[in-house]
């Protein structure tokens, strides 16, 4: 069982920035493809960004492309949130799935096996 823990959420004004981090109980994200998702009140969970185990494949949702950046170190996956908007307010979740190929990446929540508890991001107008 792989446990994931997110950190870095908080309250920020529109136009501001936040940095989210995801750590794993495994101690390393090697052989894990990772995605970030978010869920706002009354809305379904939606894809934000994903990175393959090898780090060479990256995807963003259209709504965050150009503003958010996902990156991966051996033991941390980060999501940098810039130019934040009130509509970015949500609970942000880190998710992971084992990947032997190093290139696997998915934008679908159902493809991920492990999930963190989430971290709240609130953007005020």
Foldseek 3Di string as FASTA:
>chain_A
DKAKAKDWADEEAAQAKIKMKIFIPVQFLQQKKKFKWWDDPPGDIFGAKIAFNLRPDIDGDPVQPPAWDWGHDGGMIMIMGGRDDQVVWTWMKMFIDGHPVRHDIDRDPVRTDYIYPTDTHGYHD
